[in-house]
Amino acid sequence: DIIPRATADIRPIYAAAEDGTYDVASASLLAEALASLASAHLRSPAVAQSPVLLVEPAAGWSDATRAAVAAAVFEGPGDVPAVFVARGAVMAAFANAKASAMVLDVSARGVTAVPVVDGYRLAKTTRASKCGGVGLAERLMGLAEEEIGKGMLRAEHEVEKARKGEVEDGDGDGKKT
């Protein structure tokens, strides 16, 4: 578990939209986060005056979000000469030395399938599902609880007792399994 410091101020920069994309929840909060990052890690003048590469999520940002992020970078501290917003799926394909690939982004909130062809994300054929890791875990837990209710699954300590012959078989005749 991650335990935040008592002085930590944890607020989401992005908010999930209904269509599965992420938008900037607060442009001022994003600018504050970028300023903190720049002051902590970009102390060298050579680094501080380098172009900035931002990678958006696989589902993509809206045009308004992209503009808000670029404005926050340009208006922030330092003398940023340029900003490039790269598509997350394209960067994932390039990281695996592929110009064309089917990129699957599996997260807690959903799954996104993004086709990348010759270094370009095909936005119209991108598909998203809201069934992510959290939903899958809840479904598996529900199935396990159903099986436990039917007596099909047993807890680990009951399995150990059964191996040793210490547990009744559950049919009411008093015999041990």
Protein backbone atom coordinates (compact mmCIF):
# COMPACT_ATOMS: atom_id res chain seq x y z
CA ASP A 1 0.00 0.00 0.00
CA ILE A 2 1.09 3.52 -0.73
CA ILE A 3 0.92 5.70 2.36
CA PRO A 4 1.04 9.41 1.53
CA ARG A 5 3.00 11.77 3.73
CA ALA A 6 1.00 13.89 6.13
CA THR A 7 1.95 16.97 4.10
CA ALA A 8 1.05 15.41 0.75
CA ASP A 9 -1.68 17.09 -1.25
CA ILE A 10 -3.10 14.40 -3.53
CA ARG A 11 -5.57 15.60 -6.15
CA PRO A 12 -6.34 14.08 -9.56
CA ILE A 13 -5.03 16.04 -12.53
CA TYR A 14 -7.16 14.08 -14.99
CA ALA A 15 -10.79 13.03 -14.83
CA ALA A 16 -12.26 10.14 -16.81
CA ALA A 17 -14.92 11.19 -19.30
CA GLU A 18 -17.97 9.08 -20.23
CA ASP A 19 -16.44 8.05 -23.58
CA GLY A 20 -13.37 6.54 -21.90
CA THR A 21 -11.03 9.45 -22.59
CA TYR A 22 -9.27 11.48 -19.93
CA ASP A 23 -9.56 15.23 -19.66
CA VAL A 24 -7.68 17.71 -17.52
CA ALA A 25 -9.71 18.21 -14.35
CA SER A 26 -7.93 21.44 -13.48
CA ALA A 27 -5.58 23.36 -15.76
CA SER A 28 -4.24 25.34 -12.79
CA LEU A 29 -3.48 22.11 -10.92
CA LEU A 30 -1.67 20.76 -13.98
CA ALA A 31 0.37 23.97 -14.23
CA GLU A 32 1.22 23.68 -10.53
CA ALA A 33 2.34 20.05 -10.97
CA LEU A 34 4.49 20.95 -13.98
CA ALA A 35 6.05 23.87 -12.10
CA SER A 36 6.88 21.57 -9.19
CA LEU A 37 8.41 19.04 -11.57
CA ALA A 38 10.45 21.70 -13.34
CA SER A 39 11.81 23.21 -10.13
CA ALA A 40 12.71 19.80 -8.69
CA HIS A 41 14.22 18.11 -11.73
CA LEU A 42 15.04 20.69 -14.41
CA ARG A 43 17.72 22.77 -12.73
CA SER A 44 20.26 22.74 -15.56
CA PRO A 45 19.75 25.58 -18.06
CA ALA A 46 20.41 23.17 -20.94
CA VAL A 47 17.68 20.82 -19.74
CA ALA A 48 15.29 23.61 -18.77
CA GLN A 49 15.40 25.02 -22.32
CA SER A 50 14.81 21.67 -24.04
CA PRO A 51 11.58 20.74 -25.80
CA VAL A 52 9.01 18.88 -23.71
CA LEU A 53 7.58 15.53 -24.78
CA LEU A 54 4.19 14.65 -23.27
CA VAL A 55 2.54 11.28 -23.85
CA GLU A 56 -1.25 11.19 -23.75
CA PRO A 57 -3.22 8.11 -22.68
CA ALA A 58 -4.06 5.47 -25.27
CA ALA A 59 -7.70 6.58 -25.47
CA GLY A 60 -6.49 10.08 -26.29
CA TRP A 61 -7.16 13.58 -25.03
CA SER A 62 -9.76 15.95 -26.35
CA ASP A 63 -8.54 19.00 -28.29
CA ALA A 64 -9.41 21.19 -25.30
CA THR A 65 -7.29 19.03 -23.00
CA ARG A 66 -4.38 19.05 -25.42
CA ALA A 67 -4.58 22.87 -25.63
CA ALA A 68 -4.80 23.21 -21.82
CA VAL A 69 -1.75 21.00 -21.34
CA ALA A 70 0.28 22.92 -23.95
CA ALA A 71 -0.73 26.24 -22.40
CA ALA A 72 0.24 25.02 -18.92
CA VAL A 73 3.67 23.97 -20.20
CA PHE A 74 4.34 27.21 -22.08
CA GLU A 75 3.08 29.43 -19.27
CA GLY A 76 4.95 27.49 -16.58
CA PRO A 77 8.42 28.20 -15.26
CA GLY A 78 11.39 27.95 -17.52
CA ASP A 79 11.80 28.80 -21.16
CA VAL A 80 10.20 25.86 -22.95
CA PRO A 81 10.88 26.25 -26.69
CA ALA A 82 8.48 23.51 -27.90
CA VAL A 83 5.97 20.91 -26.78
CA PHE A 84 5.18 17.67 -28.56
CA VAL A 85 2.16 15.65 -27.46
CA ALA A 86 2.66 12.06 -28.54
CA ARG A 87 -0.01 9.40 -28.69
CA GLY A 88 0.49 6.80 -25.96
CA ALA A 89 -0.34 3.88 -28.26
CA VAL A 90 2.16 5.06 -30.88
CA MET A 91 4.87 5.43 -28.23
CA ALA A 92 4.08 1.89 -26.96
CA ALA A 93 4.47 0.51 -30.49
CA PHE A 94 7.71 2.44 -31.05
CA ALA A 95 9.07 1.22 -27.68
CA ASN A 96 8.72 -2.31 -29.05
CA ALA A 97 10.39 -1.39 -32.36
CA LYS A 98 7.12 -1.62 -34.32
CA ALA A 99 5.72 0.99 -36.68
CA SER A 100 2.44 -0.94 -36.91
CA ALA A 101 0.83 -2.77 -34.00
CA MET A 102 -2.38 -3.42 -32.12
CA VAL A 103 -1.85 -1.82 -28.72
CA LEU A 104 -3.97 -2.96 -25.78
CA ASP A 105 -4.07 -0.64 -22.79
CA VAL A 106 -5.45 -2.56 -19.81
CA SER A 107 -6.10 -0.45 -16.74
CA ALA A 108 -8.21 -0.63 -13.61
CA ARG A 109 -11.03 1.30 -15.26
CA GLY A 110 -11.10 -0.27 -18.70
CA VAL A 111 -9.42 -1.73 -21.75
CA THR A 112 -8.59 0.21 -24.90
CA ALA A 113 -7.57 -1.39 -28.20
CA VAL A 114 -5.72 1.04 -30.46
CA PRO A 115 -4.50 0.10 -33.93
CA VAL A 116 -1.27 1.83 -34.96
CA VAL A 117 -0.39 1.77 -38.65
CA ASP A 118 2.89 3.22 -39.92
CA GLY A 119 3.27 5.31 -36.77
CA TYR A 120 -0.24 6.77 -36.79
CA ARG A 121 -3.06 5.96 -34.39
CA LEU A 122 -6.27 5.06 -36.21
CA ALA A 123 -8.72 6.99 -34.03
CA LYS A 124 -11.91 5.84 -35.78
CA THR A 125 -11.12 2.17 -35.21
CA THR A 126 -10.05 2.60 -31.58
CA ARG A 127 -12.30 0.59 -29.27
CA ALA A 128 -12.74 0.98 -25.52
CA SER A 129 -14.44 -1.16 -22.92
CA LYS A 130 -15.30 -0.07 -19.40
CA CYS A 131 -14.58 -3.60 -18.15
CA GLY A 132 -11.14 -3.19 -16.63
CA GLY A 133 -9.15 -4.72 -13.83
CA VAL A 134 -11.54 -3.59 -11.10
CA GLY A 135 -14.58 -5.01 -12.91
CA LEU A 136 -12.80 -8.27 -13.65
CA ALA A 137 -11.70 -8.63 -10.04
CA GLU A 138 -15.25 -7.98 -8.80
CA ARG A 139 -16.68 -10.54 -11.23
CA LEU A 140 -14.12 -13.18 -10.24
CA MET A 141 -14.81 -12.51 -6.57
CA GLY A 142 -18.55 -12.92 -7.20
CA LEU A 143 -17.97 -16.23 -8.99
CA ALA A 144 -15.73 -17.44 -6.17
CA GLU A 145 -18.36 -16.50 -3.57
CA GLU A 146 -20.99 -18.42 -5.55
CA GLU A 147 -18.75 -21.49 -5.66
CA ILE A 148 -18.00 -21.22 -1.94
CA GLY A 149 -21.75 -21.00 -1.29
CA LYS A 150 -22.25 -24.22 -3.27
CA GLY A 151 -19.45 -25.91 -1.31
CA MET A 152 -17.35 -26.19 -4.45
CA LEU A 153 -14.48 -24.07 -3.13
CA ARG A 154 -12.90 -24.23 0.28
CA ALA A 155 -10.61 -21.95 2.18
CA GLU A 156 -6.93 -22.92 2.21
CA HIS A 157 -6.99 -24.07 5.86
CA GLU A 158 -9.96 -26.35 5.08
CA VAL A 159 -8.07 -27.88 2.15
CA GLU A 160 -5.11 -28.63 4.47
CA LYS A 161 -7.43 -30.29 6.99
CA ALA A 162 -9.02 -32.32 4.18
CA ARG A 163 -5.59 -33.53 3.09
CA LYS A 164 -4.94 -34.70 6.63
CA GLY A 165 -8.39 -36.32 6.85
CA GLU A 166 -9.64 -33.99 9.57
CA VAL A 167 -12.70 -32.51 7.80
CA GLU A 168 -16.12 -34.02 7.30
CA ASP A 169 -17.20 -34.26 3.69
CA GLY A 170 -20.23 -32.03 4.31
CA ASP A 171 -23.03 -34.41 3.33
CA GLY A 172 -24.15 -34.88 6.97
CA ASP A 173 -23.23 -38.54 7.40
CA GLY A 174 -20.32 -37.81 9.74
CA LYS A 175 -17.71 -39.37 7.50
CA LYS A 176 -14.43 -37.61 7.01
CA THR A 177 -13.00 -36.86 3.59
